[in-house]
Amino acid sequence: MTLPLLLEPEVLNAHLADARLLIIDLGKESVYQQAHVPGAVLCNGKQLVSGQQPSPGKLPSTAQLSAVFSALGLTPDTHVVVYDDEGGGWAGRFIWTLDVIGHRHYSYLNGGIHAWLAAGLPVESTPSLPVATAYEATVVPGALADLAYMLAHHADADHVVWDARSAEEYAGTRQLAQRSGHIPGARHYEWTQAMDRANSLRVRPLDTVRAELAALGITADKTVVTHCQTHHRSGFTYLVGKLLGFERLKGYAGSWSEWGNQPDTPIER
């Protein structure tokens, strides 16, 4: 099945009857109950994280991932379409998780439910129930950066850290961990900067975003590692990196909740 990574609502609407599609809604349950893409199944994004303090955004166990993806009905041949109601945070986190387990068949519904509704396309309000499978998730190298990796490589000339948090978090004036600030050398590009608020939260023109990131030194010739506080907001920036063709792209799931709660990690303000 050939669908683009960035999927427009009208294109998805033309493929709704395809049995190979698994459409995942990662928005709020209250929104899902009012209106969702026909056939979409609801997934709570918190199922994708460990939830364990002080770094709740870390990857959960493979047993938990296997249970989540089995309940959703994932198979190795399934083409997954993800969306949410916030512009791509949880949807991007889902795509990152698929990369972590080596599942490469997926698309992001550009703008999520906002763009779908703006296009006047059909919706459902009754829940869609998936057909469960027996999916066994395994973690494959590549997309996942852990604390040891960050400590070893954050200052490398061929690496760049993309901090997707707010400007206040980056500067250290807003403290959400024992220590505030940012990873030395990290470049700041807040996660919603790549969203077009005037166009149903679609991704802004990629050439424009690419130029803005390049001005910060976030470029495709480097290993780009993105993070936020719990790798929720940076789920979207990871997705943007995918859309821009960044081949050496990673997500730091521990994010600032891990880095900022360590007693001796290097910090800049």
Foldseek 3Di string as FASTA:
>chain_A
DDDDQEHELVRVLVCVPPPLEAEEEQEDPVVLLVWAAPQYAYDDLLLQFCCDPPQGLHGHDLVSVQVRCQQSPDDLRHAYEYAYQPQCLSVLSVVLVCVQQPRDRYHYHFLGPLSNVVVVHDIDNDHRGHDGDRGGGDGDDAAEDEPVNCLVPPPPPQEEEEEQEDPCQQCFVDDDEQGGHDAPRHFYDHLQVQFDPVNSRGGPPLVVVQVVVVVRVDHLRGQYEYAYCQSRSCSNVQSSCVVNVNRNYYYHRSHCSNQVHDPDRDGDD
